[in-house]
């Protein structure tokens, strides 16, 4: 489990699974207060730049202490969303 973030904004990702076909599964919020659980494109994350430099960083201080479900519930409660259903 790793956490990525944008130092110039509020977007964050907590990723738990990496698919060799350019996707990762996890919890993410693009900084709009709408956390989602699902797949993201690794190439899209890598393409985000700020002034020509990579704009998304790995949070080296993040030490996962809980399963992803705990972080998902905390994100849901923080923004007042109804329970997130996984189909």
Foldseek 3Di string as FASTA:
>chain_A
DWKKAFPVAGKIWDFDADDPVFKTWAWIDHRPLDIDTGIDGNVVQQPDDDPPHRGMDIDPPDDDDDPRVVVVVVSCVVSVHDDDDDD
